């Protein structure tokens, strides 16, 4: 019988996303991840090494998913990009939790930092290109504007309790209203004079 290595890795990563999002990398246990994935915990160690490496693999996998889902281009309306990023964060709130845990436990470089800098650098380059063409404001440096747009898109799932207290329950109607605000705010931030 052939062993489905990729299928097993996928099950482990899915179980690890839920575990790490809920408990963080320090309180998460390989035993619970293995049980949830339906595998022997030795498989986790064989495929991913230690728990830190598994957390890095989870982040790598989840960030690749959001990068694919919310791609951007130089000629795109920045509000449309912000809307797609907002949608992704709403549909996958575990990503925001994973990023918060990452910020809490790593005091220096984070897993795959060089690769992630390239990814964010490409987004900043799109903004710089828009600024050179006069389509995007130069009131903000491109890197700051990129960060502000990402923050707008992710803030609702980063602080759901504050969003609920300020704007109401996260039902379909309010989510549409929130998304519209994110899109419009991103457009206004980026609007050229």
Protein backbone atom coordinates (compact mmCIF):
# COMPACT_ATOMS: atom_id res chain seq x y z
CA UNK A 1 0.00 0.00 0.00
CA UNK A 2 1.40 3.38 -1.01
CA UNK A 3 1.54 6.08 1.62
CA UNK A 4 -0.12 9.38 0.63
CA UNK A 5 2.63 11.68 1.91
CA UNK A 6 1.19 14.89 0.44
CA UNK A 7 -2.31 14.07 1.68
CA UNK A 8 -0.93 13.36 5.16
CA UNK A 9 1.05 16.61 5.16
CA UNK A 10 -2.09 18.51 4.12
CA UNK A 11 -4.09 16.93 6.98
CA UNK A 12 -1.34 17.82 9.44
CA UNK A 13 -1.18 21.42 8.22
CA UNK A 14 -4.97 21.80 8.42
CA UNK A 15 -5.02 20.45 11.95
CA UNK A 16 -2.03 22.61 12.89
CA UNK A 17 -3.71 25.79 11.60
CA UNK A 18 -6.63 25.26 13.97
CA UNK A 19 -4.40 24.28 16.90
CA UNK A 20 -1.91 27.13 16.49
CA UNK A 21 -4.62 29.71 15.87
CA UNK A 22 -6.39 28.71 19.07
CA UNK A 23 -3.47 28.10 21.41
CA UNK A 24 -0.43 29.73 19.82
CA UNK A 25 2.79 27.92 19.02
CA UNK A 26 3.92 27.58 22.63
CA UNK A 27 0.71 26.10 24.08
CA UNK A 28 -0.23 24.05 21.01
CA UNK A 29 0.61 20.36 21.31
CA UNK A 30 1.84 17.96 18.67
CA UNK A 31 -0.34 15.29 20.29
CA UNK A 32 -3.55 17.26 19.67
CA UNK A 33 -2.47 18.10 16.12
CA UNK A 34 -1.72 14.44 15.41
CA UNK A 35 -5.03 13.31 16.89
CA UNK A 36 -6.98 15.90 14.90
CA UNK A 37 -5.14 14.96 11.69
CA UNK A 38 -5.60 11.25 12.36
CA UNK A 39 -1.89 10.51 12.20
CA UNK A 40 0.85 9.31 14.50
CA UNK A 41 2.75 12.25 15.98
CA UNK A 42 5.99 10.73 14.71
CA UNK A 43 4.76 11.56 11.20
CA UNK A 44 4.68 15.24 12.20
CA UNK A 45 8.26 15.10 13.44
CA UNK A 46 9.34 13.19 10.31
CA UNK A 47 7.74 15.65 7.91
CA UNK A 48 8.17 18.95 9.72
CA UNK A 49 10.80 18.52 12.41
CA UNK A 50 9.96 20.28 15.66
CA UNK A 51 6.89 22.32 16.59
CA UNK A 52 8.56 25.63 15.60
CA UNK A 53 9.23 24.30 12.11
CA UNK A 54 5.62 23.13 11.88
CA UNK A 55 4.43 26.61 12.88
CA UNK A 56 6.68 28.10 10.18
CA UNK A 57 5.24 25.64 7.63
CA UNK A 58 1.71 26.62 8.66
CA UNK A 59 2.47 30.32 8.20
CA UNK A 60 4.15 29.66 4.86
CA UNK A 61 1.14 27.70 3.66
CA UNK A 62 -1.48 30.18 4.91
CA UNK A 63 0.38 33.22 3.55
CA UNK A 64 0.73 31.52 0.16
CA UNK A 65 -3.05 31.05 0.13
CA UNK A 66 -3.78 34.70 0.86
CA UNK A 67 -1.17 35.83 -1.67
CA UNK A 68 -2.93 33.78 -4.34
CA UNK A 69 -6.43 34.87 -3.31
CA UNK A 70 -5.63 38.59 -3.05
CA UNK A 71 -3.12 39.16 -5.83
CA UNK A 72 -2.54 42.74 -6.89
CA UNK A 73 -1.19 44.44 -9.98
CA UNK A 74 0.20 47.85 -10.80
CA UNK A 75 -2.85 49.01 -12.76
CA UNK A 76 -5.42 47.78 -10.24
CA UNK A 77 -7.65 49.98 -8.11
CA UNK A 78 -6.23 49.80 -4.59
CA UNK A 79 -9.74 49.66 -3.13
CA UNK A 80 -10.48 46.47 -5.08
CA UNK A 81 -7.32 44.91 -3.67
CA UNK A 82 -8.28 45.99 -0.14
CA UNK A 83 -11.73 44.47 -0.64
CA UNK A 84 -10.30 41.11 -1.68
CA UNK A 85 -7.89 41.13 1.27
CA UNK A 86 -10.80 42.00 3.60
CA UNK A 87 -12.85 39.12 2.17
CA UNK A 88 -9.99 36.70 2.71
CA UNK A 89 -9.45 37.76 6.30
CA UNK A 90 -13.17 37.43 7.04
CA UNK A 91 -13.32 33.98 5.49
CA UNK A 92 -10.09 32.87 7.21
CA UNK A 93 -9.89 34.58 10.62
CA UNK A 94 -7.29 32.05 11.71
CA UNK A 95 -4.73 33.90 9.55
CA UNK A 96 -5.02 37.03 11.70
CA UNK A 97 -4.68 34.94 14.84
CA UNK A 98 -1.60 33.17 13.48
CA UNK A 99 0.03 36.49 12.59
CA UNK A 100 -0.71 37.88 16.05
CA UNK A 101 0.82 34.79 17.66
CA UNK A 102 3.85 35.17 15.40
CA UNK A 103 4.26 38.78 16.53
CA UNK A 104 4.08 37.72 20.16
CA UNK A 105 6.62 34.90 20.08
CA UNK A 106 9.28 36.06 17.64
CA UNK A 107 11.40 38.99 18.80
CA UNK A 108 13.63 39.06 15.72
CA UNK A 109 13.26 37.64 12.26
CA UNK A 110 10.15 35.56 11.65
CA UNK A 111 9.95 32.34 9.63
CA UNK A 112 10.64 32.92 5.94
CA UNK A 113 11.23 36.62 6.54
CA UNK A 114 13.39 37.14 3.47
CA UNK A 115 10.77 35.57 1.20
CA UNK A 116 7.97 37.51 2.84
CA UNK A 117 9.91 40.78 2.48
CA UNK A 118 10.05 40.07 -1.26
CA UNK A 119 6.30 39.49 -1.37
CA UNK A 120 5.52 42.71 0.51
CA UNK A 121 8.17 44.51 -1.51
CA UNK A 122 6.34 43.58 -4.70
CA UNK A 123 3.15 45.14 -3.29
CA UNK A 124 5.08 48.29 -2.39
CA UNK A 125 6.52 48.38 -5.92
CA UNK A 126 2.96 48.40 -7.34
CA UNK A 127 2.19 51.42 -5.16
CA UNK A 128 5.43 53.14 -6.19
CA UNK A 129 4.57 52.55 -9.84
CA UNK A 130 1.14 54.11 -9.28
CA UNK A 131 2.77 57.07 -7.56
CA UNK A 132 5.18 57.60 -10.48
CA UNK A 133 2.24 57.56 -12.91
CA UNK A 134 0.35 60.06 -10.75
CA UNK A 135 -2.46 57.57 -10.09
CA UNK A 136 -1.66 57.20 -6.37
CA UNK A 137 -0.94 59.91 -3.83
CA UNK A 138 2.60 60.69 -2.75
CA UNK A 139 1.34 62.04 0.59
CA UNK A 140 2.46 58.71 2.07
CA UNK A 141 5.61 56.78 1.34
CA UNK A 142 4.73 53.68 -0.69
CA UNK A 143 5.69 51.27 2.08
CA UNK A 144 3.52 53.11 4.61
CA UNK A 145 0.56 53.27 2.25
CA UNK A 146 0.89 49.54 1.55
CA UNK A 147 0.91 48.80 5.27
CA UNK A 148 -2.07 51.07 5.92
CA UNK A 149 -4.14 49.37 3.22
CA UNK A 150 -3.24 45.91 4.60
CA UNK A 151 -4.13 47.12 8.10
CA UNK A 152 -7.50 48.41 6.90
CA UNK A 153 -8.27 45.09 5.25
CA UNK A 154 -7.27 42.97 8.24
CA UNK A 155 -8.33 45.10 11.20
CA UNK A 156 -11.89 43.74 11.33
CA UNK A 157 -10.72 40.19 11.92
CA UNK A 158 -7.80 41.30 14.10
CA UNK A 159 -10.13 42.94 16.61
CA UNK A 160 -13.55 41.32 16.13
CA UNK A 161 -14.72 42.26 19.61
CA UNK A 162 -14.09 45.98 19.03
CA UNK A 163 -15.63 45.79 15.56
CA UNK A 164 -18.74 44.19 17.09
CA UNK A 165 -18.99 46.80 19.86
CA UNK A 166 -18.59 49.70 17.42
CA UNK A 167 -20.45 48.48 14.36
CA UNK A 168 -22.68 45.62 15.45
CA UNK A 169 -22.79 41.92 14.83
CA UNK A 170 -20.81 40.42 11.98
CA UNK A 171 -23.81 39.37 9.89
CA UNK A 172 -24.01 39.50 6.09
CA UNK A 173 -25.48 43.01 6.05
CA UNK A 174 -22.83 44.47 8.34
CA UNK A 175 -20.04 42.61 6.57
CA UNK A 176 -21.10 44.28 3.30
CA UNK A 177 -21.07 47.64 5.06
CA UNK A 178 -17.63 46.96 6.57
CA UNK A 179 -16.24 45.86 3.22
CA UNK A 180 -17.58 48.98 1.51
CA UNK A 181 -15.89 51.12 4.17
CA UNK A 182 -12.56 49.32 3.69
CA UNK A 183 -12.71 49.72 -0.08
CA UNK A 184 -13.65 53.41 0.10
CA UNK A 185 -11.08 54.18 2.82
CA UNK A 186 -8.32 52.51 0.80
CA UNK A 187 -9.32 54.48 -2.29
CA UNK A 188 -9.35 57.76 -0.38
CA UNK A 189 -5.99 57.03 1.24
CA UNK A 190 -4.45 56.31 -2.14
CA UNK A 191 -6.24 58.96 -4.19
CA UNK A 192 -3.92 61.27 -6.06
CA UNK A 193 -4.59 64.99 -5.55
